[in-house]
Amino acid sequence: MLSQYISKKRLTLVDALQIIQQAEVLLKNNEFEIQSIGIMQLVNTSSCSAYDSEFVALALYLGVPLVTEDKKMQREFPDTALSLEAYLASANEG
């Protein structure tokens, strides 16, 4: 996304690099590695890409819902992938 802002001259390279640097600081020590076998099992049982399946696998690993507006992910993984509206409704119930 930042690359698009640079291309359209909405951000300078220096500004984009500062944003990246800040993001890396915020994300440091908050990254997870998910085993490829789990991701490929999700790919095998759905029509979702490996990229999308990584997010599902991480949510399953952490035992948390995946809040997404991606309709395909919601349809393929209804117990894990929730719309924002569904997530807020479930949060208000409990």
PDB file of N, CA and C in Angstrom:
ATOM      1  N   MET A   1       0.814  -1.181   0.000  1.00  0.00           N
ATOM      2  CA  MET A   1       0.000   0.000   0.000  1.00  0.00           C
ATOM      3  C   MET A   1       0.864   1.254   0.000  1.00  0.00           C
ATOM      4  N   LEU A   2       1.892   1.251   0.805  1.00  0.00           N
ATOM      5  CA  LEU A   2       2.776   2.412   0.821  1.00  0.00           C
ATOM      6  C   LEU A   2       3.395   2.657  -0.547  1.00  0.00           C
ATOM      7  N   SER A   3       3.673   1.577  -1.255  1.00  0.00           N
ATOM      8  CA  SER A   3       4.267   1.732  -2.579  1.00  0.00           C
ATOM      9  C   SER A   3       3.346   2.508  -3.512  1.00  0.00           C
ATOM     10  N   GLN A   4       2.042   2.315  -3.361  1.00  0.00           N
ATOM     11  CA  GLN A   4       1.087   3.058  -4.186  1.00  0.00           C
ATOM     12  C   GLN A   4       1.112   4.543  -3.846  1.00  0.00           C
ATOM     13  N   TYR A   5       1.231   4.860  -2.573  1.00  0.00           N
ATOM     14  CA  TYR A   5       1.312   6.258  -2.167  1.00  0.00           C
ATOM     15  C   TYR A   5       2.579   6.910  -2.697  1.00  0.00           C
ATOM     16  N   ILE A   6       3.659   6.167  -2.707  1.00  0.00           N
ATOM     17  CA  ILE A   6       4.908   6.696  -3.261  1.00  0.00           C
ATOM     18  C   ILE A   6       4.751   6.912  -4.763  1.00  0.00           C
ATOM     19  N   SER A   7       4.198   5.923  -5.449  1.00  0.00           N
ATOM     20  CA  SER A   7       4.013   6.014  -6.905  1.00  0.00           C
ATOM     21  C   SER A   7       3.141   7.198  -7.297  1.00  0.00           C
ATOM     22  N   LYS A   8       2.122   7.461  -6.498  1.00  0.00           N
ATOM     23  CA  LYS A   8       1.190   8.558  -6.807  1.00  0.00           C
ATOM     24  C   LYS A   8       1.638   9.881  -6.198  1.00  0.00           C
ATOM     25  N   LYS A   9       2.845   9.879  -5.646  1.00  0.00           N
ATOM     26  CA  LYS A   9       3.438  11.089  -5.051  1.00  0.00           C
ATOM     27  C   LYS A   9       2.621  11.629  -3.873  1.00  0.00           C
ATOM     28  N   ARG A  10       1.960  10.733  -3.170  1.00  0.00           N
ATOM     29  CA  ARG A  10       1.220  11.146  -1.977  1.00  0.00           C
ATOM     30  C   ARG A  10       2.107  11.062  -0.732  1.00  0.00           C
ATOM     31  N   LEU A  11       3.162  10.280  -0.829  1.00  0.00           N
ATOM     32  CA  LEU A  11       4.165  10.162   0.229  1.00  0.00           C
ATOM     33  C   LEU A  11       5.541  10.218  -0.405  1.00  0.00           C
ATOM     34  N   THR A  12       6.467  10.803   0.325  1.00  0.00           N
ATOM     35  CA  THR A  12       7.855  10.740  -0.129  1.00  0.00           C
ATOM     36  C   THR A  12       8.452   9.415   0.322  1.00  0.00           C
ATOM     37  N   LEU A  13       9.530   9.027  -0.264  1.00  0.00           N
ATOM     38  CA  LEU A  13      10.222   7.800   0.143  1.00  0.00           C
ATOM     39  C   LEU A  13      10.621   7.887   1.612  1.00  0.00           C
ATOM     40  N   VAL A  14      11.108   9.051   2.027  1.00  0.00           N
ATOM     41  CA  VAL A  14      11.530   9.242   3.419  1.00  0.00           C
ATOM     42  C   VAL A  14      10.346   9.032   4.366  1.00  0.00           C
ATOM     43  N   ASP A  15       9.196   9.600   4.027  1.00  0.00           N
ATOM     44  CA  ASP A  15       8.006   9.423   4.871  1.00  0.00           C
ATOM     45  C   ASP A  15       7.580   7.955   4.927  1.00  0.00           C
ATOM     46  N   ALA A  16       7.582   7.287   3.787  1.00  0.00           N
ATOM     47  CA  ALA A  16       7.202   5.874   3.733  1.00  0.00           C
ATOM     48  C   ALA A  16       8.154   5.026   4.578  1.00  0.00           C
ATOM     49  N   LEU A  17       9.425   5.304   4.500  1.00  0.00           N
ATOM     50  CA  LEU A  17      10.401   4.545   5.289  1.00  0.00           C
ATOM     51  C   LEU A  17      10.212   4.780   6.783  1.00  0.00           C
ATOM     52  N   GLN A  18       9.842   5.990   7.163  1.00  0.00           N
ATOM     53  CA  GLN A  18       9.568   6.273   8.582  1.00  0.00           C
ATOM     54  C   GLN A  18       8.345   5.490   9.059  1.00  0.00           C
ATOM     55  N   ILE A  19       7.322   5.411   8.221  1.00  0.00           N
ATOM     56  CA  ILE A  19       6.116   4.650   8.568  1.00  0.00           C
ATOM     57  C   ILE A  19       6.464   3.174   8.725  1.00  0.00           C
ATOM     58  N   ILE A  20       7.249   2.641   7.801  1.00  0.00           N
ATOM     59  CA  ILE A  20       7.661   1.235   7.873  1.00  0.00           C
ATOM     60  C   ILE A  20       8.447   0.979   9.148  1.00  0.00           C
ATOM     61  N   GLN A  21       9.348   1.892   9.458  1.00  0.00           N
ATOM     62  CA  GLN A  21      10.175   1.738  10.655  1.00  0.00           C
ATOM     63  C   GLN A  21       9.307   1.737  11.916  1.00  0.00           C
ATOM     64  N   GLN A  22       8.327   2.630  11.974  1.00  0.00           N
ATOM     65  CA  GLN A  22       7.423   2.670  13.126  1.00  0.00           C
ATOM     66  C   GLN A  22       6.609   1.381  13.228  1.00  0.00           C
ATOM     67  N   ALA A  23       6.138   0.883  12.107  1.00  0.00           N
ATOM     68  CA  ALA A  23       5.366  -0.365  12.098  1.00  0.00           C
ATOM     69  C   ALA A  23       6.218  -1.531  12.581  1.00  0.00           C
ATOM     70  N   GLU A  24       7.465  -1.583  12.135  1.00  0.00           N
ATOM     71  CA  GLU A  24       8.347  -2.670  12.561  1.00  0.00           C
ATOM     72  C   GLU A  24       8.589  -2.636  14.062  1.00  0.00           C
ATOM     73  N   VAL A  25       8.708  -1.446  14.632  1.00  0.00           N
ATOM     74  CA  VAL A  25       8.887  -1.319  16.081  1.00  0.00           C
ATOM     75  C   VAL A  25       7.642  -1.836  16.803  1.00  0.00           C
ATOM     76  N   LEU A  26       6.464  -1.458  16.308  1.00  0.00           N
ATOM     77  CA  LEU A  26       5.216  -1.897  16.938  1.00  0.00           C
ATOM     78  C   LEU A  26       5.015  -3.404  16.830  1.00  0.00           C
ATOM     79  N   LEU A  27       5.464  -3.995  15.730  1.00  0.00           N
ATOM     80  CA  LEU A  27       5.253  -5.425  15.509  1.00  0.00           C
ATOM     81  C   LEU A  27       6.339  -6.309  16.113  1.00  0.00           C
ATOM     82  N   LYS A  28       7.454  -5.721  16.472  1.00  0.00           N
ATOM     83  CA  LYS A  28       8.573  -6.516  17.005  1.00  0.00           C
ATOM     84  C   LYS A  28       8.092  -7.358  18.180  1.00  0.00           C
ATOM     85  N   ASN A  29       8.463  -8.605  18.156  1.00  0.00           N
ATOM     86  CA  ASN A  29       8.108  -9.596  19.178  1.00  0.00           C
ATOM     87  C   ASN A  29       6.612  -9.919  19.202  1.00  0.00           C
ATOM     88  N   ASN A  30       5.896  -9.531  18.179  1.00  0.00           N
ATOM     89  CA  ASN A  30       4.476  -9.841  18.067  1.00  0.00           C
ATOM     90  C   ASN A  30       4.192 -10.592  16.776  1.00  0.00           C
ATOM     91  N   GLU A  31       5.150 -11.353  16.331  1.00  0.00           N
ATOM     92  CA  GLU A  31       4.982 -12.134  15.115  1.00  0.00           C
ATOM     93  C   GLU A  31       4.857 -13.602  15.489  1.00  0.00           C
ATOM     94  N   PHE A  32       4.140 -14.335  14.654  1.00  0.00           N
ATOM     95  CA  PHE A  32       3.916 -15.753  14.900  1.00  0.00           C
ATOM     96  C   PHE A  32       4.299 -16.546  13.664  1.00  0.00           C
ATOM     97  N   GLU A  33       4.792 -17.740  13.894  1.00  0.00           N
ATOM     98  CA  GLU A  33       5.064 -18.654  12.790  1.00  0.00           C
ATOM     99  C   GLU A  33       4.045 -19.779  12.856  1.00  0.00           C
ATOM    100  N   ILE A  34       3.359 -19.974  11.763  1.00  0.00           N
ATOM    101  CA  ILE A  34       2.363 -21.036  11.669  1.00  0.00           C
ATOM    102  C   ILE A  34       2.936 -22.116  10.769  1.00  0.00           C
ATOM    103  N   GLN A  35       2.794 -23.351  11.173  1.00  0.00           N
ATOM    104  CA  GLN A  35       3.342 -24.448  10.380  1.00  0.00           C
ATOM    105  C   GLN A  35       2.615 -24.564   9.046  1.00  0.00           C
ATOM    106  N   SER A  36       3.389 -24.775   8.017  1.00  0.00           N
ATOM    107  CA  SER A  36       2.853 -24.869   6.651  1.00  0.00           C
ATOM    108  C   SER A  36       1.841 -25.992   6.508  1.00  0.00           C
ATOM    109  N   ILE A  37       2.032 -27.081   7.242  1.00  0.00           N
ATOM    110  CA  ILE A  37       1.117 -28.218   7.109  1.00  0.00           C
ATOM    111  C   ILE A  37      -0.316 -27.806   7.478  1.00  0.00           C
ATOM    112  N   GLY A  38      -0.469 -27.008   8.528  1.00  0.00           N
ATOM    113  CA  GLY A  38      -1.797 -26.547   8.918  1.00  0.00           C
ATOM    114  C   GLY A  38      -2.417 -25.641   7.871  1.00  0.00           C
ATOM    115  N   ILE A  39      -1.600 -24.793   7.286  1.00  0.00           N
ATOM    116  CA  ILE A  39      -2.086 -23.892   6.239  1.00  0.00           C
ATOM    117  C   ILE A  39      -2.523 -24.706   5.030  1.00  0.00           C
ATOM    118  N   MET A  40      -1.716 -25.664   4.622  1.00  0.00           N
ATOM    119  CA  MET A  40      -2.046 -26.468   3.441  1.00  0.00           C
ATOM    120  C   MET A  40      -3.277 -27.337   3.684  1.00  0.00           C
ATOM    121  N   GLN A  41      -3.489 -27.759   4.921  1.00  0.00           N
ATOM    122  CA  GLN A  41      -4.705 -28.520   5.231  1.00  0.00           C
ATOM    123  C   GLN A  41      -5.941 -27.636   5.057  1.00  0.00           C
ATOM    124  N   LEU A  42      -5.834 -26.378   5.448  1.00  0.00           N
ATOM    125  CA  LEU A  42      -6.945 -25.445   5.262  1.00  0.00           C
ATOM    126  C   LEU A  42      -7.180 -25.166   3.780  1.00  0.00           C
ATOM    127  N   VAL A  43      -6.107 -25.032   3.027  1.00  0.00           N
ATOM    128  CA  VAL A  43      -6.222 -24.823   1.578  1.00  0.00           C
ATOM    129  C   VAL A  43      -6.919 -26.020   0.945  1.00  0.00           C
ATOM    130  N   ASN A  44      -6.552 -27.207   1.386  1.00  0.00           N
ATOM    131  CA  ASN A  44      -7.103 -28.445   0.828  1.00  0.00           C
ATOM    132  C   ASN A  44      -8.595 -28.593   1.097  1.00  0.00           C
ATOM    133  N   THR A  45      -9.065 -28.048   2.209  1.00  0.00           N
ATOM    134  CA  THR A  45     -10.472 -28.221   2.574  1.00  0.00           C
ATOM    135  C   THR A  45     -11.330 -26.993   2.272  1.00  0.00           C
ATOM    136  N   SER A  46     -10.754 -26.019   1.574  1.00  0.00           N
ATOM    137  CA  SER A  46     -11.502 -24.808   1.246  1.00  0.00           C
ATOM    138  C   SER A  46     -11.116 -24.333  -0.147  1.00  0.00           C
ATOM    139  N   SER A  47     -11.730 -23.258  -0.566  1.00  0.00           N
ATOM    140  CA  SER A  47     -11.340 -22.648  -1.840  1.00  0.00           C
ATOM    141  C   SER A  47     -10.553 -21.366  -1.598  1.00  0.00           C
ATOM    142  N   CYS A  48     -10.054 -21.197  -0.385  1.00  0.00           N
ATOM    143  CA  CYS A  48      -9.275 -20.005  -0.043  1.00  0.00           C
ATOM    144  C   CYS A  48      -7.810 -20.183  -0.422  1.00  0.00           C
ATOM    145  N   SER A  49      -7.160 -19.060  -0.643  1.00  0.00           N
ATOM    146  CA  SER A  49      -5.732 -19.072  -0.986  1.00  0.00           C
ATOM    147  C   SER A  49      -4.900 -19.420   0.246  1.00  0.00           C
ATOM    148  N   ALA A  50      -3.656 -19.758   0.015  1.00  0.00           N
ATOM    149  CA  ALA A  50      -2.736 -20.025   1.123  1.00  0.00           C
ATOM    150  C   ALA A  50      -2.556 -18.760   1.958  1.00  0.00           C
ATOM    151  N   TYR A  51      -2.522 -17.617   1.292  1.00  0.00           N
ATOM    152  CA  TYR A  51      -2.382 -16.336   1.989  1.00  0.00           C
ATOM    153  C   TYR A  51      -3.541 -16.152   2.976  1.00  0.00           C
ATOM    154  N   ASP A  52      -4.773 -16.306   2.511  1.00  0.00           N
ATOM    155  CA  ASP A  52      -5.933 -16.168   3.394  1.00  0.00           C
ATOM    156  C   ASP A  52      -5.935 -17.241   4.476  1.00  0.00           C
ATOM    157  N   SER A  53      -5.537 -18.438   4.110  1.00  0.00           N
ATOM    158  CA  SER A  53      -5.522 -19.549   5.062  1.00  0.00           C
ATOM    159  C   SER A  53      -4.523 -19.326   6.192  1.00  0.00           C
ATOM    160  N   GLU A  54      -3.479 -18.557   5.939  1.00  0.00           N
ATOM    161  CA  GLU A  54      -2.525 -18.226   7.007  1.00  0.00           C
ATOM    162  C   GLU A  54      -3.226 -17.478   8.136  1.00  0.00           C
ATOM    163  N   PHE A  55      -4.105 -16.549   7.786  1.00  0.00           N
ATOM    164  CA  PHE A  55      -4.820 -15.779   8.797  1.00  0.00           C
ATOM    165  C   PHE A  55      -5.775 -16.671   9.579  1.00  0.00           C
ATOM    166  N   VAL A  56      -6.435 -17.578   8.887  1.00  0.00           N
ATOM    167  CA  VAL A  56      -7.337 -18.520   9.553  1.00  0.00           C
ATOM    168  C   VAL A  56      -6.529 -19.418  10.494  1.00  0.00           C
ATOM    169  N   ALA A  57      -5.412 -19.922  10.016  1.00  0.00           N
ATOM    170  CA  ALA A  57      -4.562 -20.796  10.833  1.00  0.00           C
ATOM    171  C   ALA A  57      -4.065 -20.069  12.079  1.00  0.00           C
ATOM    172  N   LEU A  58      -3.701 -18.811  11.936  1.00  0.00           N
ATOM    173  CA  LEU A  58      -3.240 -18.037  13.089  1.00  0.00           C
ATOM    174  C   LEU A  58      -4.372 -17.840  14.092  1.00  0.00           C
ATOM    175  N   ALA A  59      -5.554 -17.510  13.608  1.00  0.00           N
ATOM    176  CA  ALA A  59      -6.697 -17.343  14.509  1.00  0.00           C
ATOM    177  C   ALA A  59      -6.995 -18.644  15.256  1.00  0.00           C
ATOM    178  N   LEU A  60      -6.952 -19.756  14.528  1.00  0.00           N
ATOM    179  CA  LEU A  60      -7.175 -21.060  15.167  1.00  0.00           C
ATOM    180  C   LEU A  60      -6.099 -21.348  16.203  1.00  0.00           C
ATOM    181  N   TYR A  61      -4.855 -21.069  15.866  1.00  0.00           N
ATOM    182  CA  TYR A  61      -3.722 -21.289  16.771  1.00  0.00           C
ATOM    183  C   TYR A  61      -3.880 -20.464  18.048  1.00  0.00           C
ATOM    184  N   LEU A  62      -4.302 -19.208  17.890  1.00  0.00           N
ATOM    185  CA  LEU A  62      -4.452 -18.324  19.043  1.00  0.00           C
ATOM    186  C   LEU A  62      -5.783 -18.521  19.766  1.00  0.00           C
ATOM    187  N   GLY A  63      -6.710 -19.242  19.131  1.00  0.00           N
ATOM    188  CA  GLY A  63      -8.013 -19.467  19.736  1.00  0.00           C
ATOM    189  C   GLY A  63      -8.866 -18.205  19.777  1.00  0.00           C
ATOM    190  N   VAL A  64      -8.730 -17.394  18.745  1.00  0.00           N
ATOM    191  CA  VAL A  64      -9.493 -16.147  18.664  1.00  0.00           C
ATOM    192  C   VAL A  64     -10.248 -16.102  17.343  1.00  0.00           C
ATOM    193  N   PRO A  65     -11.307 -15.304  17.263  1.00  0.00           N
ATOM    194  CA  PRO A  65     -11.993 -15.175  15.978  1.00  0.00           C
ATOM    195  C   PRO A  65     -11.165 -14.336  15.010  1.00  0.00           C
ATOM    196  N   LEU A  66     -11.361 -14.586  13.743  1.00  0.00           N
ATOM    197  CA  LEU A  66     -10.742 -13.778  12.696  1.00  0.00           C
ATOM    198  C   LEU A  66     -11.807 -12.802  12.223  1.00  0.00           C
ATOM    199  N   VAL A  67     -11.647 -11.540  12.524  1.00  0.00           N
ATOM    200  CA  VAL A  67     -12.620 -10.525  12.120  1.00  0.00           C
ATOM    201  C   VAL A  67     -12.226 -10.032  10.738  1.00  0.00           C
ATOM    202  N   THR A  68     -13.107 -10.282   9.773  1.00  0.00           N
ATOM    203  CA  THR A  68     -12.828  -9.937   8.386  1.00  0.00           C
ATOM    204  C   THR A  68     -14.122  -9.631   7.645  1.00  0.00           C
ATOM    205  N   GLU A  69     -14.024  -8.802   6.660  1.00  0.00           N
ATOM    206  CA  GLU A  69     -15.181  -8.534   5.798  1.00  0.00           C
ATOM    207  C   GLU A  69     -15.076  -9.338   4.509  1.00  0.00           C
ATOM    208  N   ASP A  70     -14.127 -10.245   4.438  1.00  0.00           N
ATOM    209  CA  ASP A  70     -13.965 -11.112   3.271  1.00  0.00           C
ATOM    210  C   ASP A  70     -15.060 -12.176   3.305  1.00  0.00           C
ATOM    211  N   LYS A  71     -16.018 -12.045   2.404  1.00  0.00           N
ATOM    212  CA  LYS A  71     -17.186 -12.940   2.386  1.00  0.00           C
ATOM    213  C   LYS A  71     -16.793 -14.397   2.139  1.00  0.00           C
ATOM    214  N   LYS A  72     -15.807 -14.606   1.297  1.00  0.00           N
ATOM    215  CA  LYS A  72     -15.367 -15.973   1.002  1.00  0.00           C
ATOM    216  C   LYS A  72     -14.804 -16.634   2.259  1.00  0.00           C
ATOM    217  N   MET A  73     -13.998 -15.912   3.005  1.00  0.00           N
ATOM    218  CA  MET A  73     -13.436 -16.472   4.235  1.00  0.00           C
ATOM    219  C   MET A  73     -14.535 -16.739   5.252  1.00  0.00           C
ATOM    220  N   GLN A  74     -15.511 -15.834   5.332  1.00  0.00           N
ATOM    221  CA  GLN A  74     -16.630 -16.041   6.246  1.00  0.00           C
ATOM    222  C   GLN A  74     -17.416 -17.293   5.868  1.00  0.00           C
ATOM    223  N   ARG A  75     -17.609 -17.490   4.578  1.00  0.00           N
ATOM    224  CA  ARG A  75     -18.368 -18.655   4.094  1.00  0.00           C
ATOM    225  C   ARG A  75     -17.575 -19.950   4.308  1.00  0.00           C
ATOM    226  N   GLU A  76     -16.297 -19.931   4.010  1.00  0.00           N
ATOM    227  CA  GLU A  76     -15.464 -21.137   4.106  1.00  0.00           C
ATOM    228  C   GLU A  76     -15.132 -21.519   5.552  1.00  0.00           C
ATOM    229  N   PHE A  77     -15.047 -20.528   6.425  1.00  0.00           N
ATOM    230  CA  PHE A  77     -14.667 -20.785   7.821  1.00  0.00           C
ATOM    231  C   PHE A  77     -15.632 -20.067   8.769  1.00  0.00           C
ATOM    232  N   PRO A  78     -16.906 -20.462   8.754  1.00  0.00           N
ATOM    233  CA  PRO A  78     -17.927 -19.730   9.527  1.00  0.00           C
ATOM    234  C   PRO A  78     -17.711 -19.750  11.039  1.00  0.00           C
ATOM    235  N   ASP A  79     -17.009 -20.729  11.557  1.00  0.00           N
ATOM    236  CA  ASP A  79     -16.763 -20.782  13.000  1.00  0.00           C
ATOM    237  C   ASP A  79     -15.582 -19.920  13.423  1.00  0.00           C
ATOM    238  N   THR A  80     -14.784 -19.487  12.461  1.00  0.00           N
ATOM    239  CA  THR A  80     -13.574 -18.727  12.761  1.00  0.00           C
ATOM    240  C   THR A  80     -13.624 -17.315  12.195  1.00  0.00           C
ATOM    241  N   ALA A  81     -14.026 -17.184  10.943  1.00  0.00           N
ATOM    242  CA  ALA A  81     -14.027 -15.886  10.256  1.00  0.00           C
ATOM    243  C   ALA A  81     -15.378 -15.202  10.428  1.00  0.00           C
ATOM    244  N   LEU A  82     -15.378 -14.109  11.158  1.00  0.00           N
ATOM    245  CA  LEU A  82     -16.606 -13.381  11.456  1.00  0.00           C
ATOM    246  C   LEU A  82     -16.547 -11.974  10.874  1.00  0.00           C
ATOM    247  N   SER A  83     -17.700 -11.484  10.444  1.00  0.00           N
ATOM    248  CA  SER A  83     -17.776 -10.089  10.030  1.00  0.00           C
ATOM    249  C   SER A  83     -17.636  -9.231  11.284  1.00  0.00           C
ATOM    250  N   LEU A  84     -17.323  -7.976  11.095  1.00  0.00           N
ATOM    251  CA  LEU A  84     -17.232  -7.062  12.235  1.00  0.00           C
ATOM    252  C   LEU A  84     -18.562  -7.002  12.972  1.00  0.00           C
ATOM    253  N   GLU A  85     -19.637  -6.963  12.204  1.00  0.00           N
ATOM    254  CA  GLU A  85     -20.976  -6.916  12.797  1.00  0.00           C
ATOM    255  C   GLU A  85     -21.254  -8.158  13.646  1.00  0.00           C
ATOM    256  N   ALA A  86     -20.929  -9.333  13.118  1.00  0.00           N
ATOM    257  CA  ALA A  86     -21.146 -10.579  13.864  1.00  0.00           C
ATOM    258  C   ALA A  86     -20.253 -10.643  15.100  1.00  0.00           C
ATOM    259  N   TYR A  87     -19.039 -10.176  14.973  1.00  0.00           N
ATOM    260  CA  TYR A  87     -18.117 -10.178  16.109  1.00  0.00           C
ATOM    261  C   TYR A  87     -18.649  -9.265  17.225  1.00  0.00           C
ATOM    262  N   LEU A  88     -19.087  -8.056  16.849  1.00  0.00           N
ATOM    263  CA  LEU A  88     -19.603  -7.138  17.857  1.00  0.00           C
ATOM    264  C   LEU A  88     -20.863  -7.676  18.512  1.00  0.00           C
ATOM    265  N   ALA A  89     -21.710  -8.331  17.723  1.00  0.00           N
ATOM    266  CA  ALA A  89     -22.930  -8.927  18.283  1.00  0.00           C
ATOM    267  C   ALA A  89     -22.571 -10.017  19.292  1.00  0.00           C
ATOM    268  N   SER A  90     -21.596 -10.859  18.956  1.00  0.00           N
ATOM    269  CA  SER A  90     -21.199 -11.935  19.873  1.00  0.00           C
ATOM    270  C   SER A  90     -20.517 -11.369  21.107  1.00  0.00           C
ATOM    271  N   ALA A  91     -19.788 -10.293  20.970  1.00  0.00           N
ATOM    272  CA  ALA A  91     -19.123  -9.660  22.111  1.00  0.00           C
ATOM    273  C   ALA A  91     -20.144  -9.046  23.071  1.00  0.00           C
ATOM    274  N   ASN A  92     -21.226  -8.526  22.514  1.00  0.00           N
ATOM    275  CA  ASN A  92     -22.281  -7.918  23.342  1.00  0.00           C
ATOM    276  C   ASN A  92     -23.110  -8.973  24.066  1.00  0.00           C
ATOM    277  N   GLU A  93     -23.155 -10.193  23.509  1.00  0.00           N
ATOM    278  CA  GLU A  93     -23.912 -11.274  24.150  1.00  0.00           C
ATOM    279  C   GLU A  93     -23.212 -11.766  25.410  1.00  0.00           C
ATOM    280  N   GLY A  94     -21.882 -11.788  25.353  1.00  0.00           N
ATOM    281  CA  GLY A  94     -21.132 -12.377  26.443  1.00  0.00           C
ATOM    282  C   GLY A  94     -20.689 -11.393  27.398  1.00  0.00           C
TER     283      GLY A  94
END
